[in-house]
Amino acid sequence: RMPPHTSEKRHLHETSQQFFYILS
């Protein structure tokens, strides 16, 4: 859960593959 006007730090993963899916 991310409140309004927030963000994570820019990054990468060397071996992990990810999938982001928006619930709301």
PDB file of all heavy atoms in Angstrom:
ATOM      1  N   ARG A   1       0.862  -1.187   0.000  1.00  0.00           N
ATOM      2  CA  ARG A   1       0.000   0.000   0.000  1.00  0.00           C
ATOM      3  C   ARG A   1       0.890   1.226   0.000  1.00  0.00           C
ATOM      4  O   ARG A   1       1.804   1.339   0.810  1.00  0.00           O
ATOM      5  CB  ARG A   1      -0.874   0.021   1.248  1.00  0.00           C
ATOM      6  CG  ARG A   1      -1.856   1.187   1.294  1.00  0.00           C
ATOM      7  CD  ARG A   1      -2.519   1.316   2.656  1.00  0.00           C
ATOM      8  NE  ARG A   1      -1.569   1.701   3.684  1.00  0.00           N
ATOM      9  CZ  ARG A   1      -1.120   2.936   3.894  1.00  0.00           C
ATOM     10  NH1 ARG A   1      -1.525   3.932   3.124  1.00  0.00           N
ATOM     11  NH2 ARG A   1      -0.257   3.194   4.851  1.00  0.00           N
ATOM     12  N   MET A   2       0.620   2.125  -0.968  1.00  0.00           N
ATOM     13  CA  MET A   2       1.369   3.378  -1.063  1.00  0.00           C
ATOM     14  C   MET A   2       0.402   4.544  -0.926  1.00  0.00           C
ATOM     15  O   MET A   2      -0.517   4.690  -1.738  1.00  0.00           O
ATOM     16  CB  MET A   2       2.088   3.485  -2.409  1.00  0.00           C
ATOM     17  CG  MET A   2       3.182   2.458  -2.615  1.00  0.00           C
ATOM     18  SD  MET A   2       3.952   2.584  -4.248  1.00  0.00           S
ATOM     19  CE  MET A   2       4.863   4.111  -4.064  1.00  0.00           C
ATOM     20  N   PRO A   3       0.597   5.389   0.087  1.00  0.00           N
ATOM     21  CA  PRO A   3      -0.225   6.594   0.209  1.00  0.00           C
ATOM     22  C   PRO A   3       0.018   7.537  -0.980  1.00  0.00           C
ATOM     23  O   PRO A   3       0.994   7.368  -1.730  1.00  0.00           O
ATOM     24  CB  PRO A   3       0.269   7.234   1.507  1.00  0.00           C
ATOM     25  CG  PRO A   3       0.957   6.156   2.252  1.00  0.00           C
ATOM     26  CD  PRO A   3       1.526   5.249   1.203  1.00  0.00           C
ATOM     27  N   PRO A   4      -0.825   8.549  -1.128  1.00  0.00           N
ATOM     28  CA  PRO A   4      -0.640   9.515  -2.218  1.00  0.00           C
ATOM     29  C   PRO A   4       0.759  10.132  -2.205  1.00  0.00           C
ATOM     30  O   PRO A   4       1.340  10.370  -1.143  1.00  0.00           O
ATOM     31  CB  PRO A   4      -1.697  10.581  -1.932  1.00  0.00           C
ATOM     32  CG  PRO A   4      -2.746   9.874  -1.126  1.00  0.00           C
ATOM     33  CD  PRO A   4      -2.004   8.857  -0.315  1.00  0.00           C
ATOM     34  N   HIS A   5       1.296  10.356  -3.386  1.00  0.00           N
ATOM     35  CA  HIS A   5       2.552  11.079  -3.597  1.00  0.00           C
ATOM     36  C   HIS A   5       3.747  10.442  -2.880  1.00  0.00           C
ATOM     37  O   HIS A   5       4.553  11.128  -2.269  1.00  0.00           O
ATOM     38  CB  HIS A   5       2.384  12.553  -3.214  1.00  0.00           C
ATOM     39  CG  HIS A   5       1.198  13.177  -3.886  1.00  0.00           C
ATOM     40  ND1 HIS A   5       1.185  13.490  -5.227  1.00  0.00           N
ATOM     41  CD2 HIS A   5      -0.035  13.487  -3.405  1.00  0.00           C
ATOM     42  CE1 HIS A   5       0.001  13.983  -5.542  1.00  0.00           C
ATOM     43  NE2 HIS A   5      -0.756  13.989  -4.461  1.00  0.00           N
ATOM     44  N   THR A   6       3.839   9.112  -2.963  1.00  0.00           N
ATOM     45  CA  THR A   6       4.987   8.395  -2.413  1.00  0.00           C
ATOM     46  C   THR A   6       5.635   7.580  -3.541  1.00  0.00           C
ATOM     47  O   THR A   6       5.030   7.372  -4.589  1.00  0.00           O
ATOM     48  CB  THR A   6       4.585   7.454  -1.261  1.00  0.00           C
ATOM     49  OG1 THR A   6       3.591   6.538  -1.722  1.00  0.00           O
ATOM     50  CG2 THR A   6       4.058   8.233  -0.067  1.00  0.00           C
ATOM     51  N   SER A   7       6.860   7.127  -3.280  1.00  0.00           N
ATOM     52  CA  SER A   7       7.541   6.286  -4.267  1.00  0.00           C
ATOM     53  C   SER A   7       8.586   5.444  -3.554  1.00  0.00           C
ATOM     54  O   SER A   7       8.951   5.719  -2.408  1.00  0.00           O
ATOM     55  CB  SER A   7       8.209   7.127  -5.357  1.00  0.00           C
ATOM     56  OG  SER A   7       9.244   7.906  -4.810  1.00  0.00           O
ATOM     57  N   GLU A   8       9.033   4.422  -4.244  1.00  0.00           N
ATOM     58  CA  GLU A   8      10.127   3.616  -3.714  1.00  0.00           C
ATOM     59  C   GLU A   8      11.422   4.112  -4.335  1.00  0.00           C
ATOM     60  O   GLU A   8      11.411   4.872  -5.305  1.00  0.00           O
ATOM     61  CB  GLU A   8       9.908   2.129  -4.010  1.00  0.00           C
ATOM     62  CG  GLU A   8       9.934   1.785  -5.481  1.00  0.00           C
ATOM     63  CD  GLU A   8       9.784   0.304  -5.749  1.00  0.00           C
ATOM     64  OE1 GLU A   8       9.978  -0.514  -4.830  1.00  0.00           O
ATOM     65  OE2 GLU A   8       9.486  -0.041  -6.898  1.00  0.00           O
ATOM     66  N   LYS A   9      12.551   3.669  -3.793  1.00  0.00           N
ATOM     67  CA  LYS A   9      13.844   4.030  -4.360  1.00  0.00           C
ATOM     68  C   LYS A   9      14.078   3.229  -5.638  1.00  0.00           C
ATOM     69  O   LYS A   9      13.720   2.055  -5.714  1.00  0.00           O
ATOM     70  CB  LYS A   9      14.958   3.759  -3.360  1.00  0.00           C
ATOM     71  CG  LYS A   9      14.918   4.692  -2.179  1.00  0.00           C
ATOM     72  CD  LYS A   9      16.082   4.471  -1.264  1.00  0.00           C
ATOM     73  CE  LYS A   9      16.014   5.454  -0.106  1.00  0.00           C
ATOM     74  NZ  LYS A   9      17.160   5.306   0.796  1.00  0.00           N
ATOM     75  N   ARG A  10      14.677   3.879  -6.609  1.00  0.00           N
ATOM     76  CA  ARG A  10      14.992   3.211  -7.878  1.00  0.00           C
ATOM     77  C   ARG A  10      16.009   2.114  -7.604  1.00  0.00           C
ATOM     78  O   ARG A  10      16.994   2.322  -6.902  1.00  0.00           O
ATOM     79  CB  ARG A  10      15.534   4.230  -8.872  1.00  0.00           C
ATOM     80  CG  ARG A  10      15.607   3.714 -10.281  1.00  0.00           C
ATOM     81  CD  ARG A  10      15.780   4.895 -11.240  1.00  0.00           C
ATOM     82  NE  ARG A  10      15.559   4.464 -12.593  1.00  0.00           N
ATOM     83  CZ  ARG A  10      16.539   4.104 -13.428  1.00  0.00           C
ATOM     84  NH1 ARG A  10      17.783   4.127 -13.028  1.00  0.00           N
ATOM     85  NH2 ARG A  10      16.250   3.726 -14.653  1.00  0.00           N
ATOM     86  N   HIS A  11      15.763   0.943  -8.164  1.00  0.00           N
ATOM     87  CA  HIS A  11      16.598  -0.215  -7.873  1.00  0.00           C
ATOM     88  C   HIS A  11      16.474  -1.251  -8.990  1.00  0.00           C
ATOM     89  O   HIS A  11      15.697  -1.072  -9.923  1.00  0.00           O
ATOM     90  CB  HIS A  11      16.188  -0.840  -6.529  1.00  0.00           C
ATOM     91  CG  HIS A  11      14.816  -1.414  -6.547  1.00  0.00           C
ATOM     92  ND1 HIS A  11      13.668  -0.637  -6.455  1.00  0.00           N
ATOM     93  CD2 HIS A  11      14.389  -2.687  -6.681  1.00  0.00           C
ATOM     94  CE1 HIS A  11      12.611  -1.418  -6.520  1.00  0.00           C
ATOM     95  NE2 HIS A  11      13.019  -2.678  -6.666  1.00  0.00           N
ATOM     96  N   LEU A  12      17.227  -2.337  -8.843  1.00  0.00           N
ATOM     97  CA  LEU A  12      17.066  -3.488  -9.732  1.00  0.00           C
ATOM     98  C   LEU A  12      17.328  -4.758  -8.944  1.00  0.00           C
ATOM     99  O   LEU A  12      17.851  -4.718  -7.834  1.00  0.00           O
ATOM    100  CB  LEU A  12      17.985  -3.400 -10.966  1.00  0.00           C
ATOM    101  CG  LEU A  12      19.501  -3.423 -10.800  1.00  0.00           C
ATOM    102  CD1 LEU A  12      20.046  -4.817 -10.525  1.00  0.00           C
ATOM    103  CD2 LEU A  12      20.142  -2.885 -12.062  1.00  0.00           C
ATOM    104  N   HIS A  13      16.927  -5.863  -9.526  1.00  0.00           N
ATOM    105  CA  HIS A  13      17.180  -7.194  -8.974  1.00  0.00           C
ATOM    106  C   HIS A  13      17.979  -7.964 -10.019  1.00  0.00           C
ATOM    107  O   HIS A  13      17.599  -7.997 -11.187  1.00  0.00           O
ATOM    108  CB  HIS A  13      15.861  -7.911  -8.666  1.00  0.00           C
ATOM    109  CG  HIS A  13      14.975  -7.126  -7.759  1.00  0.00           C
ATOM    110  ND1 HIS A  13      15.170  -7.058  -6.404  1.00  0.00           N
ATOM    111  CD2 HIS A  13      13.905  -6.340  -8.020  1.00  0.00           C
ATOM    112  CE1 HIS A  13      14.256  -6.280  -5.868  1.00  0.00           C
ATOM    113  NE2 HIS A  13      13.473  -5.826  -6.833  1.00  0.00           N
ATOM    114  N   GLU A  14      19.073  -8.564  -9.590  1.00  0.00           N
ATOM    115  CA  GLU A  14      19.942  -9.258 -10.544  1.00  0.00           C
ATOM    116  C   GLU A  14      19.357 -10.568 -11.041  1.00  0.00           C
ATOM    117  O   GLU A  14      19.556 -10.947 -12.191  1.00  0.00           O
ATOM    118  CB  GLU A  14      21.310  -9.505  -9.919  1.00  0.00           C
ATOM    119  CG  GLU A  14      22.095  -8.218  -9.717  1.00  0.00           C
ATOM    120  CD  GLU A  14      23.463  -8.478  -9.147  1.00  0.00           C
ATOM    121  OE1 GLU A  14      23.555  -9.125  -8.088  1.00  0.00           O
ATOM    122  OE2 GLU A  14      24.436  -8.042  -9.780  1.00  0.00           O
ATOM    123  N   THR A  15      18.622 -11.291 -10.187  1.00  0.00           N
ATOM    124  CA  THR A  15      18.097 -12.599 -10.605  1.00  0.00           C
ATOM    125  C   THR A  15      16.577 -12.695 -10.558  1.00  0.00           C
ATOM    126  O   THR A  15      16.004 -13.526 -11.244  1.00  0.00           O
ATOM    127  CB  THR A  15      18.689 -13.735  -9.742  1.00  0.00           C
ATOM    128  OG1 THR A  15      18.368 -13.500  -8.376  1.00  0.00           O
ATOM    129  CG2 THR A  15      20.193 -13.805  -9.907  1.00  0.00           C
ATOM    130  N   SER A  16      15.934 -11.877  -9.774  1.00  0.00           N
ATOM    131  CA  SER A  16      14.479 -11.984  -9.604  1.00  0.00           C
ATOM    132  C   SER A  16      13.716 -11.317 -10.736  1.00  0.00           C
ATOM    133  O   SER A  16      14.040 -10.215 -11.172  1.00  0.00           O
ATOM    134  CB  SER A  16      14.050 -11.351  -8.282  1.00  0.00           C
ATOM    135  OG  SER A  16      14.617 -12.033  -7.204  1.00  0.00           O
ATOM    136  N   GLN A  17      12.690 -12.008 -11.176  1.00  0.00           N
ATOM    137  CA  GLN A  17      11.717 -11.480 -12.118  1.00  0.00           C
ATOM    138  C   GLN A  17      10.495 -11.098 -11.296  1.00  0.00           C
ATOM    139  O   GLN A  17      10.112 -11.831 -10.373  1.00  0.00           O
ATOM    140  CB  GLN A  17      11.358 -12.562 -13.131  1.00  0.00           C
ATOM    141  CG  GLN A  17      10.302 -12.174 -14.110  1.00  0.00           C
ATOM    142  CD  GLN A  17      10.091 -13.291 -15.131  1.00  0.00           C
ATOM    143  OE1 GLN A  17      10.979 -14.089 -15.415  1.00  0.00           O
ATOM    144  NE2 GLN A  17       8.893 -13.344 -15.675  1.00  0.00           N
ATOM    145  N   GLN A  18       9.873  -9.945 -11.609  1.00  0.00           N
ATOM    146  CA  GLN A  18       8.738  -9.495 -10.819  1.00  0.00           C
ATOM    147  C   GLN A  18       7.533  -9.182 -11.699  1.00  0.00           C
ATOM    148  O   GLN A  18       7.679  -8.866 -12.882  1.00  0.00           O
ATOM    149  CB  GLN A  18       9.094  -8.220 -10.029  1.00  0.00           C
ATOM    150  CG  GLN A  18      10.169  -8.447  -8.991  1.00  0.00           C
ATOM    151  CD  GLN A  18      10.386  -7.218  -8.158  1.00  0.00           C
ATOM    152  OE1 GLN A  18      10.801  -6.182  -8.666  1.00  0.00           O
ATOM    153  NE2 GLN A  18      10.093  -7.328  -6.870  1.00  0.00           N
ATOM    154  N   PHE A  19       6.367  -9.266 -11.068  1.00  0.00           N
ATOM    155  CA  PHE A  19       5.133  -8.846 -11.715  1.00  0.00           C
ATOM    156  C   PHE A  19       4.367  -7.995 -10.711  1.00  0.00           C
ATOM    157  O   PHE A  19       4.122  -8.431  -9.578  1.00  0.00           O
ATOM    158  CB  PHE A  19       4.284 -10.047 -12.154  1.00  0.00           C
ATOM    159  CG  PHE A  19       3.080  -9.638 -12.952  1.00  0.00           C
ATOM    160  CD1 PHE A  19       3.208  -9.293 -14.290  1.00  0.00           C
ATOM    161  CD2 PHE A  19       1.831  -9.567 -12.364  1.00  0.00           C
ATOM    162  CE1 PHE A  19       2.091  -8.899 -15.031  1.00  0.00           C
ATOM    163  CE2 PHE A  19       0.719  -9.180 -13.095  1.00  0.00           C
ATOM    164  CZ  PHE A  19       0.854  -8.849 -14.432  1.00  0.00           C
ATOM    165  N   PHE A  20       4.034  -6.769 -11.096  1.00  0.00           N
ATOM    166  CA  PHE A  20       3.271  -5.837 -10.269  1.00  0.00           C
ATOM    167  C   PHE A  20       1.843  -5.800 -10.800  1.00  0.00           C
ATOM    168  O   PHE A  20       1.640  -5.609 -12.006  1.00  0.00           O
ATOM    169  CB  PHE A  20       3.866  -4.428 -10.356  1.00  0.00           C
ATOM    170  CG  PHE A  20       5.210  -4.282  -9.681  1.00  0.00           C
ATOM    171  CD1 PHE A  20       6.362  -4.795 -10.262  1.00  0.00           C
ATOM    172  CD2 PHE A  20       5.317  -3.610  -8.473  1.00  0.00           C
ATOM    173  CE1 PHE A  20       7.599  -4.653  -9.655  1.00  0.00           C
ATOM    174  CE2 PHE A  20       6.549  -3.462  -7.856  1.00  0.00           C
ATOM    175  CZ  PHE A  20       7.688  -3.986  -8.443  1.00  0.00           C
ATOM    176  N   TYR A  21       0.863  -5.968  -9.903  1.00  0.00           N
ATOM    177  CA  TYR A  21      -0.543  -6.001 -10.314  1.00  0.00           C
ATOM    178  C   TYR A  21      -1.339  -5.062  -9.415  1.00  0.00           C
ATOM    179  O   TYR A  21      -1.350  -5.224  -8.186  1.00  0.00           O
ATOM    180  CB  TYR A  21      -1.090  -7.427 -10.223  1.00  0.00           C
ATOM    181  CG  TYR A  21      -2.500  -7.545 -10.753  1.00  0.00           C
ATOM    182  CD1 TYR A  21      -2.736  -7.603 -12.123  1.00  0.00           C
ATOM    183  CD2 TYR A  21      -3.577  -7.580  -9.887  1.00  0.00           C
ATOM    184  CE1 TYR A  21      -4.025  -7.707 -12.615  1.00  0.00           C
ATOM    185  CE2 TYR A  21      -4.871  -7.687 -10.371  1.00  0.00           C
ATOM    186  CZ  TYR A  21      -5.091  -7.744 -11.740  1.00  0.00           C
ATOM    187  OH  TYR A  21      -6.364  -7.839 -12.226  1.00  0.00           O
ATOM    188  N   ILE A  22      -2.017  -4.079 -10.019  1.00  0.00           N
ATOM    189  CA  ILE A  22      -2.740  -3.052  -9.267  1.00  0.00           C
ATOM    190  C   ILE A  22      -4.100  -3.584  -8.812  1.00  0.00           C
ATOM    191  O   ILE A  22      -4.912  -4.019  -9.634  1.00  0.00           O
ATOM    192  CB  ILE A  22      -2.936  -1.780 -10.118  1.00  0.00           C
ATOM    193  CG1 ILE A  22      -1.595  -1.258 -10.636  1.00  0.00           C
ATOM    194  CG2 ILE A  22      -3.680  -0.703  -9.311  1.00  0.00           C
ATOM    195  CD1 ILE A  22      -0.588  -0.894  -9.583  1.00  0.00           C
ATOM    196  N   LEU A  23      -4.317  -3.540  -7.492  1.00  0.00           N
ATOM    197  CA  LEU A  23      -5.604  -3.942  -6.918  1.00  0.00           C
ATOM    198  C   LEU A  23      -6.572  -2.762  -6.843  1.00  0.00           C
ATOM    199  O   LEU A  23      -7.762  -2.916  -7.096  1.00  0.00           O
ATOM    200  CB  LEU A  23      -5.396  -4.520  -5.518  1.00  0.00           C
ATOM    201  CG  LEU A  23      -4.517  -5.765  -5.437  1.00  0.00           C
ATOM    202  CD1 LEU A  23      -4.223  -6.108  -3.984  1.00  0.00           C
ATOM    203  CD2 LEU A  23      -5.173  -6.931  -6.159  1.00  0.00           C
ATOM    204  N   SER A  24      -6.055  -1.589  -6.467  1.00  0.00           N
ATOM    205  CA  SER A  24      -6.882  -0.384  -6.406  1.00  0.00           C
ATOM    206  C   SER A  24      -6.000   0.837  -6.584  1.00  0.00           C
ATOM    207  O   SER A  24      -4.819   0.821  -6.228  1.00  0.00           O
ATOM    208  CB  SER A  24      -7.642  -0.304  -5.074  1.00  0.00           C
ATOM    209  OG  SER A  24      -6.748  -0.171  -3.995  1.00  0.00           O
TER     210      SER A  24
END
